[in-house]
Amino acid sequence: MRSDSRLSRMLHVLLHMARHDAPFTSEQIATMLGTNPVVVRRTMAGLREAGYVRSEKGHGGGWTIACDLQEVTLLDIHHAVGGPHLFAIGNGSDNPECAVERVVNAALDDALRQAEALLIARLGSIALADLAKQFDAECVAKGWTAHGAAGH
């Protein structure tokens, strides 16, 4: 099964945008992500609707950050990009009268509820600013400037 990487990819883009003085075009973002500009615009639209980015059309236009990185969490971005359910594990329901199936399903439901609550809490506790600080530290450790690393 293929994993959904929208959250990771958009966090990548947002951190580059936060450290870049000029707007990024959909084409530049598509090149960065190895995808199509139409896919970029579709995904970025959710971020724009949530107020995390803005877009300007025309010459010199593109996508820019429109939020305070300290106020936006990874969970916020997950929701804005229309992230899927966090877990794809499901229950079997071939024989609802079977006591074994009911016990197994109850155990799986409980474990998944607990795991999802933990993951949601963790994603909600990490602000984009936290990632930006880690990115800046990585750039310093490698002798890069954040602006120089933003154009890869």
Protein backbone atom coordinates (compact mmCIF):
# COMPACT_ATOMS: atom_id res chain seq x y z
CA MET A 1 0.00 0.00 0.00
CA ARG A 2 1.31 3.43 -0.93
CA SER A 3 1.59 5.92 1.92
CA ASP A 4 0.12 9.42 1.74
CA SER A 5 2.97 11.93 1.84
CA ARG A 6 0.97 15.17 1.52
CA LEU A 7 1.71 16.23 5.09
CA SER A 8 5.45 15.64 4.79
CA ARG A 9 5.64 17.28 1.38
CA MET A 10 3.68 20.37 2.38
CA LEU A 11 5.69 20.78 5.59
CA HIS A 12 8.79 20.67 3.38
CA VAL A 13 7.39 23.39 1.14
CA LEU A 14 6.21 25.57 4.03
CA LEU A 15 9.62 25.53 5.72
CA HIS A 16 11.31 26.53 2.47
CA MET A 17 8.74 29.28 1.98
CA ALA A 18 9.33 30.54 5.52
CA ARG A 19 13.03 30.99 4.78
CA HIS A 20 12.71 32.44 1.28
CA ASP A 21 12.15 36.14 0.64
CA ALA A 22 10.28 35.79 -2.64
CA PRO A 23 7.12 33.89 -3.55
CA PHE A 24 7.42 30.35 -4.92
CA THR A 25 5.51 29.62 -8.10
CA SER A 26 3.54 26.42 -8.46
CA GLU A 27 6.08 25.36 -11.06
CA GLN A 28 9.00 25.89 -8.65
CA ILE A 29 7.23 23.91 -5.93
CA ALA A 30 6.36 21.16 -8.42
CA THR A 31 10.02 20.91 -9.41
CA MET A 32 11.03 20.77 -5.75
CA LEU A 33 8.58 17.93 -5.11
CA GLY A 34 8.93 16.13 -8.42
CA THR A 35 5.26 16.51 -9.26
CA ASN A 36 2.90 18.48 -11.48
CA PRO A 37 2.00 22.17 -10.88
CA VAL A 38 -1.71 21.24 -11.00
CA VAL A 39 -1.19 18.87 -8.06
CA VAL A 40 0.65 21.63 -6.21
CA ARG A 41 -2.16 24.15 -6.78
CA ARG A 42 -4.79 21.63 -5.65
CA THR A 43 -2.90 20.82 -2.44
CA MET A 44 -1.93 24.43 -1.73
CA ALA A 45 -5.57 25.47 -2.09
CA GLY A 46 -6.36 23.73 1.20
CA LEU A 47 -3.55 25.61 2.90
CA ARG A 48 -4.82 28.88 1.40
CA GLU A 49 -8.39 28.22 2.55
CA ALA A 50 -7.08 27.62 6.07
CA GLY A 51 -5.18 30.92 5.94
CA TYR A 52 -1.67 29.43 6.11
CA VAL A 53 -0.53 30.61 2.67
CA ARG A 54 -1.62 33.19 0.13
CA SER A 55 -1.19 33.33 -3.59
CA GLU A 56 -0.73 36.18 -6.02
CA LYS A 57 -1.27 35.79 -9.74
CA GLY A 58 0.80 37.33 -12.49
CA HIS A 59 4.41 38.34 -12.91
CA GLY A 60 6.22 38.21 -9.58
CA GLY A 61 3.36 36.27 -8.04
CA GLY A 62 3.31 32.91 -6.37
CA TRP A 63 2.79 31.33 -2.97
CA THR A 64 3.90 32.90 0.31
CA ILE A 65 3.45 32.14 4.01
CA ALA A 66 0.46 33.94 5.53
CA CYS A 67 0.60 32.66 9.09
CA ASP A 68 2.61 32.85 12.28
CA LEU A 69 4.69 29.66 12.36
CA GLN A 70 4.40 29.60 16.14
CA GLU A 71 0.60 29.35 15.93
CA VAL A 72 0.28 26.54 13.36
CA THR A 73 0.87 22.89 14.22
CA LEU A 74 1.59 19.80 12.17
CA LEU A 75 -1.96 18.67 12.96
CA ASP A 76 -3.33 21.92 11.50
CA ILE A 77 -1.45 21.29 8.27
CA HIS A 78 -2.59 17.65 8.21
CA HIS A 79 -6.19 18.84 8.35
CA ALA A 80 -5.64 21.62 5.78
CA VAL A 81 -4.20 19.26 3.16
CA GLY A 82 -7.13 16.89 3.61
CA GLY A 83 -4.97 14.27 5.23
CA PRO A 84 -6.39 10.76 5.32
CA HIS A 85 -7.21 8.71 8.36
CA LEU A 86 -4.03 8.23 10.31
CA PHE A 87 -4.28 4.45 10.24
CA ALA A 88 -5.45 2.20 7.43
CA ILE A 89 -5.92 -0.84 9.66
CA GLY A 90 -9.54 -1.96 9.73
CA ASN A 91 -11.73 -4.61 11.23
CA GLY A 92 -13.11 -7.66 9.56
CA SER A 93 -16.87 -7.91 9.58
CA ASP A 94 -17.40 -11.14 7.70
CA ASN A 95 -19.22 -12.80 10.57
CA PRO A 96 -20.60 -10.33 13.14
CA GLU A 97 -22.17 -13.18 15.13
CA CYS A 98 -18.75 -14.72 15.78
CA ALA A 99 -17.51 -14.08 19.33
CA VAL A 100 -13.86 -14.28 18.19
CA GLU A 101 -14.44 -11.58 15.56
CA ARG A 102 -16.13 -9.32 18.13
CA VAL A 103 -13.27 -9.74 20.62
CA VAL A 104 -10.62 -9.15 17.96
CA ASN A 105 -12.44 -6.09 16.60
CA ALA A 106 -12.89 -4.61 20.09
CA ALA A 107 -9.18 -5.06 20.83
CA LEU A 108 -8.15 -3.50 17.51
CA ASP A 109 -10.61 -0.61 17.91
CA ASP A 110 -9.26 0.16 21.36
CA ALA A 111 -5.62 -0.01 20.28
CA LEU A 112 -6.27 2.18 17.24
CA ARG A 113 -8.20 4.76 19.28
CA GLN A 114 -5.34 5.01 21.76
CA ALA A 115 -2.67 5.20 19.05
CA GLU A 116 -4.58 7.83 17.08
CA ALA A 117 -5.13 9.95 20.21
CA LEU A 118 -1.41 9.81 20.97
CA LEU A 119 -0.42 10.72 17.40
CA ILE A 120 -2.95 13.55 17.22
CA ALA A 121 -1.69 14.95 20.51
CA ARG A 122 1.91 14.80 19.30
CA LEU A 123 1.15 16.40 15.92
CA GLY A 124 -0.82 19.09 17.74
CA SER A 125 2.12 19.84 20.03
CA ILE A 126 4.66 20.58 17.28
CA ALA A 127 4.50 24.05 15.78
CA LEU A 128 5.91 24.92 12.37
CA ALA A 129 8.25 27.26 14.25
CA ASP A 130 9.75 24.23 16.02
CA LEU A 131 10.59 22.66 12.65
CA ALA A 132 11.93 25.97 11.36
CA LYS A 133 14.31 26.18 14.35
CA GLN A 134 15.51 22.64 13.70
CA PHE A 135 16.00 23.48 10.02
CA ASP A 136 18.00 26.60 10.93
CA ALA A 137 20.18 24.56 13.32
CA GLU A 138 20.81 21.97 10.60
CA CYS A 139 21.84 24.71 8.18
CA VAL A 140 24.25 26.19 10.74
CA ALA A 141 25.72 22.75 11.47
CA LYS A 142 26.34 22.18 7.73
CA GLY A 143 27.64 25.70 7.13
CA TRP A 144 24.68 26.60 4.92
CA THR A 145 22.43 29.60 5.03
CA ALA A 146 18.73 28.84 5.42
CA HIS A 147 18.07 30.92 2.29
CA GLY A 148 20.68 28.97 0.31
CA ALA A 149 19.20 25.65 1.41
CA ALA A 150 15.70 26.86 0.56
CA GLY A 151 16.27 26.66 -3.15
CA HIS A 152 17.07 22.96 -3.52
